[in-house]
């Protein structure tokens, strides 16, 4: 691996870490957390859904999503409802308070994105989105390749 490839990967990792920390701080300043954001935004996108389907949608494991749902339910942000078609399944739904917090966090997320992309042209944003999508695709392909393990 040449130096430029190494430097780019390192830069991506450090940028991602700094981005996550700053985003978590922006969410915290608005009454949320990354876990709260992930669940509330997913439920806002997909509506009433089973916990298993939500876990798949947000790429979280069962125990992790259960922790987030338990916490959000105790805060009155999410309801667990019995599935009328399968009594073993619980459906998740945003409460009014959950929808209000999601709206506040969405505004904070949009403001955060505008701040961090200040000075980055629309064309460069498009190139960045395309490049990141390609990188994620390459990572997925690498993980699915037997020799990568």
C-alpha atoms as a PDB file:
ATOM      1  CA  UNK A   1       0.000   0.000   0.000  1.00  0.00           C
ATOM      2  CA  UNK A   2       1.514   3.326  -0.951  1.00  0.00           C
ATOM      3  CA  UNK A   3       1.620   6.312   1.370  1.00  0.00           C
ATOM      4  CA  UNK A   4      -1.267   8.207  -0.260  1.00  0.00           C
ATOM      5  CA  UNK A   5      -3.607   5.231   0.100  1.00  0.00           C
ATOM      6  CA  UNK A   6      -2.592   4.846   3.712  1.00  0.00           C
ATOM      7  CA  UNK A   7      -2.991   8.557   4.378  1.00  0.00           C
ATOM      8  CA  UNK A   8      -6.466   8.619   2.815  1.00  0.00           C
ATOM      9  CA  UNK A   9      -7.688   5.679   4.885  1.00  0.00           C
ATOM     10  CA  UNK A  10      -6.283   7.209   8.038  1.00  0.00           C
ATOM     11  CA  UNK A  11      -7.841  10.555   7.179  1.00  0.00           C
ATOM     12  CA  UNK A  12     -11.221   8.874   6.616  1.00  0.00           C
ATOM     13  CA  UNK A  13     -11.028   7.077   9.962  1.00  0.00           C
ATOM     14  CA  UNK A  14     -10.035  10.180  11.915  1.00  0.00           C
ATOM     15  CA  UNK A  15     -12.621  12.306  10.107  1.00  0.00           C
ATOM     16  CA  UNK A  16     -15.327   9.733  10.827  1.00  0.00           C
ATOM     17  CA  UNK A  17     -14.408   9.681  14.522  1.00  0.00           C
ATOM     18  CA  UNK A  18     -14.441  13.470  14.763  1.00  0.00           C
ATOM     19  CA  UNK A  19     -17.686  13.657  12.789  1.00  0.00           C
ATOM     20  CA  UNK A  20     -19.389  11.134  15.050  1.00  0.00           C
ATOM     21  CA  UNK A  21     -18.270  12.912  18.226  1.00  0.00           C
ATOM     22  CA  UNK A  22     -19.417  16.301  16.928  1.00  0.00           C
ATOM     23  CA  UNK A  23     -22.740  14.876  15.711  1.00  0.00           C
ATOM     24  CA  UNK A  24     -23.349  13.185  19.065  1.00  0.00           C
ATOM     25  CA  UNK A  25     -22.679  16.521  20.793  1.00  0.00           C
ATOM     26  CA  UNK A  26     -25.132  18.321  18.478  1.00  0.00           C
ATOM     27  CA  UNK A  27     -27.788  15.695  19.247  1.00  0.00           C
ATOM     28  CA  UNK A  28     -27.103  15.905  22.996  1.00  0.00           C
ATOM     29  CA  UNK A  29     -27.514  19.690  22.912  1.00  0.00           C
ATOM     30  CA  UNK A  30     -30.980  19.081  21.493  1.00  0.00           C
ATOM     31  CA  UNK A  31     -32.078  16.416  23.972  1.00  0.00           C
ATOM     32  CA  UNK A  32     -31.033  13.307  22.074  1.00  0.00           C
ATOM     33  CA  UNK A  33     -28.293  10.795  21.509  1.00  0.00           C
ATOM     34  CA  UNK A  34     -27.059   8.800  18.556  1.00  0.00           C
ATOM     35  CA  UNK A  35     -29.121   5.778  19.650  1.00  0.00           C
ATOM     36  CA  UNK A  36     -32.211   7.944  20.036  1.00  0.00           C
ATOM     37  CA  UNK A  37     -31.620   9.503  16.618  1.00  0.00           C
ATOM     38  CA  UNK A  38     -31.173   6.134  14.917  1.00  0.00           C
ATOM     39  CA  UNK A  39     -34.396   4.682  16.319  1.00  0.00           C
ATOM     40  CA  UNK A  40     -36.585   7.773  16.022  1.00  0.00           C
ATOM     41  CA  UNK A  41     -35.483   8.558  12.481  1.00  0.00           C
ATOM     42  CA  UNK A  42     -36.009   4.938  11.400  1.00  0.00           C
ATOM     43  CA  UNK A  43     -39.492   4.810  12.930  1.00  0.00           C
ATOM     44  CA  UNK A  44     -40.273   8.118  11.285  1.00  0.00           C
ATOM     45  CA  UNK A  45     -39.185   6.618   7.942  1.00  0.00           C
ATOM     46  CA  UNK A  46     -40.896   3.227   8.174  1.00  0.00           C
ATOM     47  CA  UNK A  47     -43.795   3.861  10.558  1.00  0.00           C
ATOM     48  CA  UNK A  48     -45.148   1.177  12.877  1.00  0.00           C
ATOM     49  CA  UNK A  49     -42.826  -1.829  12.573  1.00  0.00           C
ATOM     50  CA  UNK A  50     -41.667  -4.882  14.519  1.00  0.00           C
ATOM     51  CA  UNK A  51     -38.538  -4.634  16.623  1.00  0.00           C
ATOM     52  CA  UNK A  52     -36.842  -7.270  14.442  1.00  0.00           C
ATOM     53  CA  UNK A  53     -37.641  -5.333  11.272  1.00  0.00           C
ATOM     54  CA  UNK A  54     -36.370  -2.124  12.876  1.00  0.00           C
ATOM     55  CA  UNK A  55     -33.124  -3.826  13.934  1.00  0.00           C
ATOM     56  CA  UNK A  56     -32.603  -4.989  10.349  1.00  0.00           C
ATOM     57  CA  UNK A  57     -33.447  -1.544   8.969  1.00  0.00           C
ATOM     58  CA  UNK A  58     -30.899   0.238  11.187  1.00  0.00           C
ATOM     59  CA  UNK A  59     -28.267  -2.545  11.098  1.00  0.00           C
ATOM     60  CA  UNK A  60     -28.217  -3.103  14.871  1.00  0.00           C
ATOM     61  CA  UNK A  61     -28.147  -6.394  16.729  1.00  0.00           C
ATOM     62  CA  UNK A  62     -31.058  -7.563  18.872  1.00  0.00           C
ATOM     63  CA  UNK A  63     -29.575  -6.744  22.279  1.00  0.00           C
ATOM     64  CA  UNK A  64     -28.463  -3.289  21.177  1.00  0.00           C
ATOM     65  CA  UNK A  65     -31.818  -2.344  19.659  1.00  0.00           C
ATOM     66  CA  UNK A  66     -33.622  -3.750  22.722  1.00  0.00           C
ATOM     67  CA  UNK A  67     -31.529  -1.488  24.976  1.00  0.00           C
ATOM     68  CA  UNK A  68     -32.425   1.574  22.883  1.00  0.00           C
ATOM     69  CA  UNK A  69     -36.116   0.662  22.681  1.00  0.00           C
ATOM     70  CA  UNK A  70     -36.350   0.002  26.434  1.00  0.00           C
ATOM     71  CA  UNK A  71     -34.813   3.402  27.155  1.00  0.00           C
ATOM     72  CA  UNK A  72     -36.997   5.251  24.641  1.00  0.00           C
ATOM     73  CA  UNK A  73     -40.126   3.492  25.891  1.00  0.00           C
ATOM     74  CA  UNK A  74     -39.317   4.490  29.493  1.00  0.00           C
ATOM     75  CA  UNK A  75     -38.978   8.099  28.299  1.00  0.00           C
ATOM     76  CA  UNK A  76     -42.371   7.955  26.601  1.00  0.00           C
ATOM     77  CA  UNK A  77     -40.917   8.371  23.102  1.00  0.00           C
ATOM     78  CA  UNK A  78     -41.826   4.935  21.716  1.00  0.00           C
ATOM     79  CA  UNK A  79     -44.741   2.576  22.287  1.00  0.00           C
ATOM     80  CA  UNK A  80     -44.662  -1.209  22.075  1.00  0.00           C
ATOM     81  CA  UNK A  81     -47.951  -2.493  20.708  1.00  0.00           C
ATOM     82  CA  UNK A  82     -49.224  -6.036  20.332  1.00  0.00           C
ATOM     83  CA  UNK A  83     -49.241  -7.211  16.712  1.00  0.00           C
ATOM     84  CA  UNK A  84     -52.860  -8.176  15.944  1.00  0.00           C
ATOM     85  CA  UNK A  85     -51.611 -10.868  13.539  1.00  0.00           C
ATOM     86  CA  UNK A  86     -49.013 -12.455  15.840  1.00  0.00           C
ATOM     87  CA  UNK A  87     -49.249 -12.125  19.612  1.00  0.00           C
ATOM     88  CA  UNK A  88     -45.527 -12.994  19.987  1.00  0.00           C
ATOM     89  CA  UNK A  89     -44.527  -9.848  18.075  1.00  0.00           C
ATOM     90  CA  UNK A  90     -44.439  -6.307  19.411  1.00  0.00           C
ATOM     91  CA  UNK A  91     -44.780  -3.407  17.022  1.00  0.00           C
ATOM     92  CA  UNK A  92     -42.996  -0.144  17.675  1.00  0.00           C
ATOM     93  CA  UNK A  93     -44.520   3.253  17.121  1.00  0.00           C
ATOM     94  CA  UNK A  94     -43.465   6.819  17.834  1.00  0.00           C
ATOM     95  CA  UNK A  95     -45.448   8.638  20.482  1.00  0.00           C
ATOM     96  CA  UNK A  96     -46.343  12.288  20.039  1.00  0.00           C
ATOM     97  CA  UNK A  97     -43.382  13.168  22.275  1.00  0.00           C
ATOM     98  CA  UNK A  98     -41.152  10.914  20.156  1.00  0.00           C
ATOM     99  CA  UNK A  99     -42.294  12.605  16.963  1.00  0.00           C
ATOM    100  CA  UNK A 100     -41.662  16.030  18.511  1.00  0.00           C
ATOM    101  CA  UNK A 101     -38.149  15.048  19.610  1.00  0.00           C
ATOM    102  CA  UNK A 102     -37.463  13.570  16.176  1.00  0.00           C
ATOM    103  CA  UNK A 103     -38.503  16.872  14.550  1.00  0.00           C
ATOM    104  CA  UNK A 104     -36.134  18.778  16.861  1.00  0.00           C
ATOM    105  CA  UNK A 105     -33.270  16.336  16.224  1.00  0.00           C
ATOM    106  CA  UNK A 106     -33.869  16.423  12.466  1.00  0.00           C
ATOM    107  CA  UNK A 107     -33.545  20.218  12.499  1.00  0.00           C
ATOM    108  CA  UNK A 108     -30.337  19.892  14.538  1.00  0.00           C
ATOM    109  CA  UNK A 109     -28.986  17.242  12.130  1.00  0.00           C
ATOM    110  CA  UNK A 110     -29.704  19.457   9.127  1.00  0.00           C
ATOM    111  CA  UNK A 111     -28.046  22.442  10.805  1.00  0.00           C
ATOM    112  CA  UNK A 112     -25.063  20.270  11.729  1.00  0.00           C
ATOM    113  CA  UNK A 113     -24.722  19.031   8.155  1.00  0.00           C
ATOM    114  CA  UNK A 114     -24.870  22.571   6.809  1.00  0.00           C
ATOM    115  CA  UNK A 115     -22.155  23.654   9.255  1.00  0.00           C
ATOM    116  CA  UNK A 116     -19.749  20.831   8.479  1.00  0.00           C
ATOM    117  CA  UNK A 117     -20.258  21.154   4.725  1.00  0.00           C
ATOM    118  CA  UNK A 118     -19.824  24.929   4.726  1.00  0.00           C
ATOM    119  CA  UNK A 119     -17.610  25.842   1.788  1.00  0.00           C
ATOM    120  CA  UNK A 120     -18.099  22.485   0.046  1.00  0.00           C
ATOM    121  CA  UNK A 121     -19.743  23.086  -3.342  1.00  0.00           C
ATOM    122  CA  UNK A 122     -22.836  21.219  -4.480  1.00  0.00           C
ATOM    123  CA  UNK A 123     -20.720  19.410  -7.087  1.00  0.00           C
ATOM    124  CA  UNK A 124     -18.157  18.380  -4.467  1.00  0.00           C
ATOM    125  CA  UNK A 125     -20.978  17.165  -2.180  1.00  0.00           C
ATOM    126  CA  UNK A 126     -22.244  14.969  -5.016  1.00  0.00           C
ATOM    127  CA  UNK A 127     -18.748  13.605  -5.632  1.00  0.00           C
ATOM    128  CA  UNK A 128     -18.341  12.956  -1.904  1.00  0.00           C
ATOM    129  CA  UNK A 129     -21.685  11.094  -1.702  1.00  0.00           C
ATOM    130  CA  UNK A 130     -20.722   8.969  -4.710  1.00  0.00           C
ATOM    131  CA  UNK A 131     -17.260   8.221  -3.343  1.00  0.00           C
ATOM    132  CA  UNK A 132     -18.585   7.267   0.095  1.00  0.00           C
ATOM    133  CA  UNK A 133     -21.203   4.997  -1.464  1.00  0.00           C
ATOM    134  CA  UNK A 134     -18.470   3.291  -3.499  1.00  0.00           C
ATOM    135  CA  UNK A 135     -16.285   2.874  -0.412  1.00  0.00           C
ATOM    136  CA  UNK A 136     -19.186   1.301   1.536  1.00  0.00           C
ATOM    137  CA  UNK A 137     -19.891  -0.987  -1.416  1.00  0.00           C
ATOM    138  CA  UNK A 138     -16.240  -2.039  -1.565  1.00  0.00           C
ATOM    139  CA  UNK A 139     -16.225  -2.710   2.183  1.00  0.00           C
ATOM    140  CA  UNK A 140     -19.346  -4.869   1.853  1.00  0.00           C
ATOM    141  CA  UNK A 141     -17.856  -6.780  -1.079  1.00  0.00           C
ATOM    142  CA  UNK A 142     -14.619  -7.268   0.865  1.00  0.00           C
ATOM    143  CA  UNK A 143     -16.497  -8.625   3.875  1.00  0.00           C
ATOM    144  CA  UNK A 144     -18.356 -11.078   1.639  1.00  0.00           C
ATOM    145  CA  UNK A 145     -15.137 -12.368   0.066  1.00  0.00           C
ATOM    146  CA  UNK A 146     -13.905 -15.551   1.835  1.00  0.00           C
ATOM    147  CA  UNK A 147     -10.256 -14.447   1.673  1.00  0.00           C
ATOM    148  CA  UNK A 148     -11.093 -11.215   3.581  1.00  0.00           C
ATOM    149  CA  UNK A 149     -11.902 -13.237   6.691  1.00  0.00           C
END
